[in-house]
Amino acid sequence: MAEKITLEEALRENKELKAKIAELTEMVNYLQKQLFGKKN
């Protein structure tokens, strides 16, 4: 059975997940530049 969570818990988790997505997106962008960026 699914556990019930409060609105506050859901909003906090949503905020944490958005922060993690932003962190991982930044990491992907950095690594793409390392792999595919201009070589000097």
Protein backbone atom coordinates (compact mmCIF):
# COMPACT_ATOMS: atom_id res chain seq x y z
CA MET A 1 0.00 0.00 0.00
CA ALA A 2 1.31 3.44 -0.92
CA GLU A 3 2.40 5.56 2.01
CA LYS A 4 0.68 8.90 2.48
CA ILE A 5 2.82 12.01 2.60
CA THR A 6 1.90 15.54 3.50
CA LEU A 7 1.87 18.42 1.06
CA GLU A 8 4.86 19.93 2.88
CA GLU A 9 6.84 16.71 2.48
CA ALA A 10 5.96 16.52 -1.21
CA LEU A 11 6.97 20.14 -1.78
CA ARG A 12 10.27 19.64 0.07
CA GLU A 13 11.06 16.54 -1.94
CA ASN A 14 10.15 18.36 -5.17
CA LYS A 15 12.55 21.19 -4.26
CA GLU A 16 15.34 18.71 -3.47
CA LEU A 17 14.80 16.84 -6.73
CA LYS A 18 14.81 20.07 -8.75
CA ALA A 19 18.13 21.02 -7.13
CA LYS A 20 19.55 17.59 -7.97
CA ILE A 21 18.37 17.90 -11.58
CA ALA A 22 20.08 21.29 -11.85
CA GLU A 23 23.30 19.85 -10.40
CA LEU A 24 23.28 16.88 -12.78
CA THR A 25 22.42 19.07 -15.79
CA GLU A 26 25.41 21.28 -14.98
CA MET A 27 27.62 18.21 -14.72
CA VAL A 28 26.39 16.88 -18.09
CA ASN A 29 27.06 20.25 -19.73
CA TYR A 30 30.57 20.36 -18.28
CA LEU A 31 31.36 16.80 -19.39
CA GLN A 32 29.97 17.42 -22.88
CA LYS A 33 32.29 20.42 -23.21
CA GLN A 34 35.19 18.26 -22.06
CA LEU A 35 34.37 15.55 -24.59
CA PHE A 36 33.18 17.57 -27.57
CA GLY A 37 34.49 21.09 -27.00
CA LYS A 38 37.14 22.78 -29.10
CA LYS A 39 40.62 21.35 -28.60
CA ASN A 40 43.37 23.90 -28.14
